Amino acid sequence: MGSSYQLTCKNISIDGDRLSATCQRRDGSSWNETSIALKGIENIDGNLEVTNPDQASSYQLSSNDISIDGDRLSANCRRRDGSWNKSSIVLNGIENIDGNLEYTGSP
């Protein structure tokens, strides 16, 4: 199951392993700029995969054209043979908690 932050956040962007957004607070009328480091996502031979949710992500070191659309992360990932593969993964467990991006479940 994917994340739900995208339902109450706007200006969602990705820079390396850092997800940023402007998220609505509980009061419904104020917004907060927030960001979170993605956890455990690696490039495994050209495919984005969550391998260890307790570690920092490393996919960005061997990927380019990284983008975010809602809760779907996409990137062009280098394979072991040097070729490239377009891959995507649904981000799990990230929610908007009173205007802040937080992990509330396992990535």
N, C-alpha and C. Protein backbone atom coordinates (compact mmCIF):
# COMPACT_ATOMS: atom_id res chain seq x y z
N MET A 1 0.83 -1.18 0.00
CA MET A 1 0.00 0.00 0.00
C MET A 1 0.88 1.24 0.00
N GLY A 2 0.51 2.22 -0.79
CA GLY A 2 1.30 3.43 -0.92
C GLY A 2 1.10 4.39 0.22
N SER A 3 1.73 5.53 0.09
CA SER A 3 1.63 6.60 1.07
C SER A 3 0.42 7.47 0.77
N SER A 4 0.05 8.33 1.74
CA SER A 4 -1.10 9.22 1.52
C SER A 4 -0.72 10.69 1.58
N TYR A 5 0.56 11.02 1.79
CA TYR A 5 0.96 12.42 1.92
C TYR A 5 0.52 13.27 0.73
N GLN A 6 0.51 12.67 -0.46
CA GLN A 6 0.21 13.41 -1.68
C GLN A 6 -1.22 13.94 -1.71
N LEU A 7 -2.10 13.43 -0.84
CA LEU A 7 -3.48 13.88 -0.80
C LEU A 7 -3.62 15.25 -0.13
N THR A 8 -2.67 15.61 0.74
CA THR A 8 -2.76 16.88 1.47
C THR A 8 -1.47 17.70 1.35
N CYS A 9 -0.65 17.39 0.35
CA CYS A 9 0.58 18.14 0.12
C CYS A 9 0.63 18.61 -1.33
N LYS A 10 1.37 19.69 -1.58
CA LYS A 10 1.54 20.22 -2.93
C LYS A 10 3.01 20.55 -3.12
N ASN A 11 3.37 20.95 -4.33
CA ASN A 11 4.76 21.28 -4.65
C ASN A 11 5.70 20.14 -4.27
N ILE A 12 5.27 18.91 -4.56
CA ILE A 12 6.05 17.72 -4.21
C ILE A 12 7.23 17.60 -5.17
N SER A 13 8.43 17.41 -4.61
CA SER A 13 9.62 17.28 -5.45
C SER A 13 10.59 16.30 -4.81
N ILE A 14 11.55 15.87 -5.62
CA ILE A 14 12.57 14.94 -5.14
C ILE A 14 13.94 15.48 -5.55
N ASP A 15 14.89 15.42 -4.64
CA ASP A 15 16.26 15.82 -4.93
C ASP A 15 17.15 14.74 -4.31
N GLY A 16 17.66 13.85 -5.15
CA GLY A 16 18.43 12.71 -4.65
C GLY A 16 17.53 11.80 -3.84
N ASP A 17 17.83 11.65 -2.55
CA ASP A 17 16.99 10.80 -1.69
C ASP A 17 16.09 11.64 -0.78
N ARG A 18 15.96 12.94 -1.07
CA ARG A 18 15.18 13.84 -0.21
C ARG A 18 13.88 14.23 -0.89
N LEU A 19 12.77 13.84 -0.24
CA LEU A 19 11.43 14.16 -0.69
C LEU A 19 10.99 15.45 0.00
N SER A 20 10.55 16.42 -0.77
CA SER A 20 10.12 17.71 -0.23
C SER A 20 8.70 18.01 -0.68
N ALA A 21 7.98 18.76 0.15
CA ALA A 21 6.61 19.14 -0.19
C ALA A 21 6.16 20.28 0.72
N THR A 22 5.09 20.93 0.30
CA THR A 22 4.40 21.89 1.15
C THR A 22 3.12 21.20 1.59
N CYS A 23 2.98 20.96 2.91
CA CYS A 23 1.89 20.13 3.41
C CYS A 23 0.95 20.92 4.31
N GLN A 24 -0.33 20.60 4.17
CA GLN A 24 -1.37 21.26 4.93
C GLN A 24 -1.34 20.80 6.39
N ARG A 25 -1.50 21.76 7.29
CA ARG A 25 -1.58 21.44 8.72
C ARG A 25 -3.00 21.02 9.08
N ARG A 26 -3.15 20.47 10.28
CA ARG A 26 -4.47 20.00 10.74
C ARG A 26 -5.53 21.09 10.73
N ASP A 27 -5.12 22.36 10.96
CA ASP A 27 -6.11 23.44 11.01
C ASP A 27 -6.76 23.71 9.65
N GLY A 28 -6.17 23.11 8.59
CA GLY A 28 -6.75 23.21 7.26
C GLY A 28 -6.47 24.51 6.53
N SER A 29 -5.93 25.50 7.20
CA SER A 29 -5.70 26.78 6.53
C SER A 29 -4.24 27.18 6.43
N SER A 30 -3.36 26.49 7.14
CA SER A 30 -1.95 26.84 7.04
C SER A 30 -1.15 25.69 6.44
N TRP A 31 -0.01 26.05 5.86
CA TRP A 31 0.83 25.10 5.15
C TRP A 31 2.24 25.15 5.71
N ASN A 32 2.98 24.06 5.56
CA ASN A 32 4.33 23.96 6.08
C ASN A 32 5.24 23.33 5.02
N GLU A 33 6.40 23.94 4.81
CA GLU A 33 7.40 23.33 3.92
C GLU A 33 8.16 22.29 4.73
N THR A 34 8.24 21.08 4.19
CA THR A 34 8.83 19.96 4.92
C THR A 34 9.59 19.05 3.97
N SER A 35 10.48 18.24 4.52
CA SER A 35 11.19 17.25 3.70
C SER A 35 11.55 16.06 4.58
N ILE A 36 11.84 14.97 3.90
CA ILE A 36 12.20 13.72 4.59
C ILE A 36 13.17 12.94 3.71
N ALA A 37 14.13 12.28 4.34
CA ALA A 37 15.06 11.41 3.62
C ALA A 37 14.37 10.06 3.39
N LEU A 38 14.40 9.60 2.15
CA LEU A 38 13.82 8.29 1.85
C LEU A 38 14.71 7.19 2.42
N LYS A 39 14.09 6.14 2.90
CA LYS A 39 14.83 5.06 3.56
C LYS A 39 14.89 3.80 2.70
N GLY A 40 16.06 3.19 2.68
CA GLY A 40 16.21 1.82 2.21
C GLY A 40 16.05 1.54 0.73
N ILE A 41 15.97 2.56 -0.12
CA ILE A 41 15.77 2.30 -1.56
C ILE A 41 17.14 2.21 -2.23
N GLU A 42 17.34 1.10 -2.93
CA GLU A 42 18.59 0.86 -3.65
C GLU A 42 18.31 0.58 -5.12
N ASN A 43 19.34 0.76 -5.93
CA ASN A 43 19.31 0.35 -7.32
C ASN A 43 19.89 -1.06 -7.37
N ILE A 44 19.05 -2.05 -7.64
CA ILE A 44 19.49 -3.44 -7.74
C ILE A 44 19.47 -3.82 -9.21
N ASP A 45 20.64 -3.76 -9.83
CA ASP A 45 20.81 -4.10 -11.25
C ASP A 45 19.76 -3.43 -12.15
N GLY A 46 19.55 -2.13 -11.92
CA GLY A 46 18.66 -1.37 -12.78
C GLY A 46 17.23 -1.25 -12.28
N ASN A 47 16.95 -1.80 -11.10
CA ASN A 47 15.59 -1.75 -10.54
C ASN A 47 15.59 -1.12 -9.16
N LEU A 48 14.65 -0.21 -8.92
CA LEU A 48 14.49 0.38 -7.60
C LEU A 48 13.83 -0.64 -6.68
N GLU A 49 14.46 -0.89 -5.54
CA GLU A 49 13.91 -1.85 -4.58
C GLU A 49 14.20 -1.37 -3.17
N VAL A 50 13.26 -1.65 -2.24
CA VAL A 50 13.51 -1.41 -0.83
C VAL A 50 14.21 -2.65 -0.29
N THR A 51 15.43 -2.47 0.22
CA THR A 51 16.20 -3.61 0.70
C THR A 51 16.34 -3.60 2.21
N ASN A 52 16.64 -2.44 2.80
CA ASN A 52 16.80 -2.37 4.26
C ASN A 52 16.24 -1.03 4.73
N PRO A 53 15.01 -1.03 5.27
CA PRO A 53 14.37 0.22 5.67
C PRO A 53 15.07 0.95 6.81
N ASP A 54 16.08 0.32 7.44
CA ASP A 54 16.81 0.97 8.52
C ASP A 54 18.03 1.74 8.01
N GLN A 55 18.29 1.68 6.71
CA GLN A 55 19.46 2.36 6.14
C GLN A 55 19.02 3.50 5.23
N ALA A 56 19.95 4.41 5.01
CA ALA A 56 19.70 5.50 4.06
C ALA A 56 19.60 4.93 2.65
N SER A 57 18.90 5.61 1.79
CA SER A 57 18.80 5.19 0.38
C SER A 57 20.10 5.46 -0.35
N SER A 58 20.40 4.63 -1.35
CA SER A 58 21.61 4.82 -2.15
C SER A 58 21.32 4.82 -3.65
N TYR A 59 20.07 4.63 -4.04
CA TYR A 59 19.72 4.55 -5.46
C TYR A 59 20.20 5.77 -6.24
N GLN A 60 20.20 6.93 -5.61
CA GLN A 60 20.52 8.17 -6.30
C GLN A 60 21.98 8.23 -6.75
N LEU A 61 22.84 7.37 -6.21
CA LEU A 61 24.25 7.35 -6.58
C LEU A 61 24.48 6.72 -7.95
N SER A 62 23.53 5.89 -8.42
CA SER A 62 23.69 5.21 -9.71
C SER A 62 22.44 5.37 -10.57
N SER A 63 21.74 6.48 -10.38
CA SER A 63 20.51 6.75 -11.15
C SER A 63 20.48 8.20 -11.58
N ASN A 64 19.71 8.47 -12.64
CA ASN A 64 19.50 9.84 -13.07
C ASN A 64 18.04 10.00 -13.49
N ASP A 65 17.67 11.17 -13.93
CA ASP A 65 16.28 11.47 -14.31
C ASP A 65 15.32 11.04 -13.21
N ILE A 66 15.67 11.34 -11.97
CA ILE A 66 14.85 10.97 -10.81
C ILE A 66 13.65 11.90 -10.73
N SER A 67 12.46 11.32 -10.57
CA SER A 67 11.25 12.14 -10.50
C SER A 67 10.25 11.51 -9.53
N ILE A 68 9.27 12.32 -9.15
CA ILE A 68 8.22 11.87 -8.24
C ILE A 68 6.87 12.27 -8.82
N ASP A 69 5.91 11.35 -8.77
CA ASP A 69 4.54 11.63 -9.21
C ASP A 69 3.62 11.02 -8.16
N GLY A 70 3.07 11.87 -7.29
CA GLY A 70 2.28 11.36 -6.18
C GLY A 70 3.16 10.57 -5.24
N ASP A 71 2.88 9.27 -5.09
CA ASP A 71 3.71 8.43 -4.23
C ASP A 71 4.59 7.47 -5.04
N ARG A 72 4.76 7.75 -6.34
CA ARG A 72 5.57 6.89 -7.21
C ARG A 72 6.89 7.58 -7.55
N LEU A 73 7.98 6.95 -7.14
CA LEU A 73 9.34 7.40 -7.43
C LEU A 73 9.81 6.71 -8.71
N SER A 74 10.34 7.47 -9.64
CA SER A 74 10.86 6.91 -10.89
C SER A 74 12.29 7.38 -11.10
N ALA A 75 13.08 6.55 -11.76
CA ALA A 75 14.46 6.91 -12.06
C ALA A 75 14.98 6.04 -13.20
N ASN A 76 15.98 6.56 -13.87
CA ASN A 76 16.71 5.80 -14.88
C ASN A 76 17.91 5.21 -14.15
N CYS A 77 17.95 3.89 -13.98
CA CYS A 77 18.95 3.24 -13.12
C CYS A 77 19.97 2.45 -13.94
N ARG A 78 21.24 2.60 -13.56
CA ARG A 78 22.30 1.88 -14.25
C ARG A 78 22.33 0.42 -13.82
N ARG A 79 22.42 -0.47 -14.82
CA ARG A 79 22.57 -1.90 -14.56
C ARG A 79 24.04 -2.23 -14.41
N ARG A 80 24.32 -3.44 -13.93
CA ARG A 80 25.71 -3.89 -13.75
C ARG A 80 26.49 -3.86 -15.06
N ASP A 81 25.81 -4.15 -16.18
CA ASP A 81 26.50 -4.18 -17.49
C ASP A 81 26.68 -2.79 -18.08
N GLY A 82 26.25 -1.74 -17.36
CA GLY A 82 26.43 -0.36 -17.82
C GLY A 82 25.25 0.21 -18.57
N SER A 83 24.30 -0.64 -18.95
CA SER A 83 23.10 -0.14 -19.63
C SER A 83 22.17 0.50 -18.60
N TRP A 84 21.12 1.14 -19.09
CA TRP A 84 20.19 1.87 -18.22
C TRP A 84 18.79 1.27 -18.30
N ASN A 85 18.07 1.34 -17.20
CA ASN A 85 16.70 0.82 -17.13
C ASN A 85 15.83 1.84 -16.41
N LYS A 86 14.67 2.14 -17.00
CA LYS A 86 13.70 3.01 -16.35
C LYS A 86 12.93 2.17 -15.34
N SER A 87 12.94 2.60 -14.08
CA SER A 87 12.31 1.84 -13.01
C SER A 87 11.48 2.77 -12.14
N SER A 88 10.48 2.21 -11.48
CA SER A 88 9.70 3.01 -10.53
C SER A 88 9.28 2.14 -9.36
N ILE A 89 8.95 2.80 -8.26
CA ILE A 89 8.55 2.12 -7.04
C ILE A 89 7.57 3.00 -6.29
N VAL A 90 6.60 2.39 -5.65
CA VAL A 90 5.66 3.14 -4.83
C VAL A 90 6.30 3.36 -3.46
N LEU A 91 6.28 4.61 -3.00
CA LEU A 91 6.79 4.93 -1.68
C LEU A 91 5.74 4.55 -0.65
N ASN A 92 6.12 3.74 0.31
CA ASN A 92 5.20 3.28 1.34
C ASN A 92 5.50 3.95 2.68
N GLY A 93 4.45 4.13 3.46
CA GLY A 93 4.60 4.53 4.86
C GLY A 93 4.85 5.99 5.14
N ILE A 94 4.78 6.88 4.13
CA ILE A 94 5.01 8.30 4.37
C ILE A 94 3.67 9.02 4.44
N GLU A 95 3.47 9.77 5.52
CA GLU A 95 2.20 10.47 5.74
C GLU A 95 2.47 11.94 6.06
N ASN A 96 1.44 12.75 5.92
CA ASN A 96 1.47 14.14 6.34
C ASN A 96 0.93 14.18 7.77
N ILE A 97 1.80 14.47 8.73
CA ILE A 97 1.40 14.56 10.13
C ILE A 97 1.48 16.04 10.52
N ASP A 98 0.32 16.70 10.54
CA ASP A 98 0.21 18.11 10.90
C ASP A 98 1.23 18.98 10.16
N GLY A 99 1.35 18.75 8.84
CA GLY A 99 2.22 19.57 8.02
C GLY A 99 3.64 19.08 7.88
N ASN A 100 3.94 17.91 8.45
CA ASN A 100 5.30 17.36 8.36
C ASN A 100 5.27 15.97 7.72
N LEU A 101 6.19 15.73 6.80
CA LEU A 101 6.33 14.40 6.22
C LEU A 101 7.00 13.49 7.24
N GLU A 102 6.36 12.35 7.53
CA GLU A 102 6.90 11.41 8.50
C GLU A 102 6.62 9.99 8.05
N TYR A 103 7.55 9.09 8.40
CA TYR A 103 7.29 7.66 8.20
C TYR A 103 6.38 7.20 9.34
N THR A 104 5.25 6.61 8.98
CA THR A 104 4.36 6.03 9.98
C THR A 104 4.25 4.53 9.80
N GLY A 105 4.89 4.01 8.78
CA GLY A 105 4.90 2.58 8.49
C GLY A 105 6.20 2.22 7.83
N SER A 106 6.35 0.98 7.48
CA SER A 106 7.57 0.49 6.85
C SER A 106 7.63 0.93 5.39
N PRO A 107 8.82 1.39 4.96
CA PRO A 107 8.97 1.76 3.55
C PRO A 107 8.80 0.54 2.69
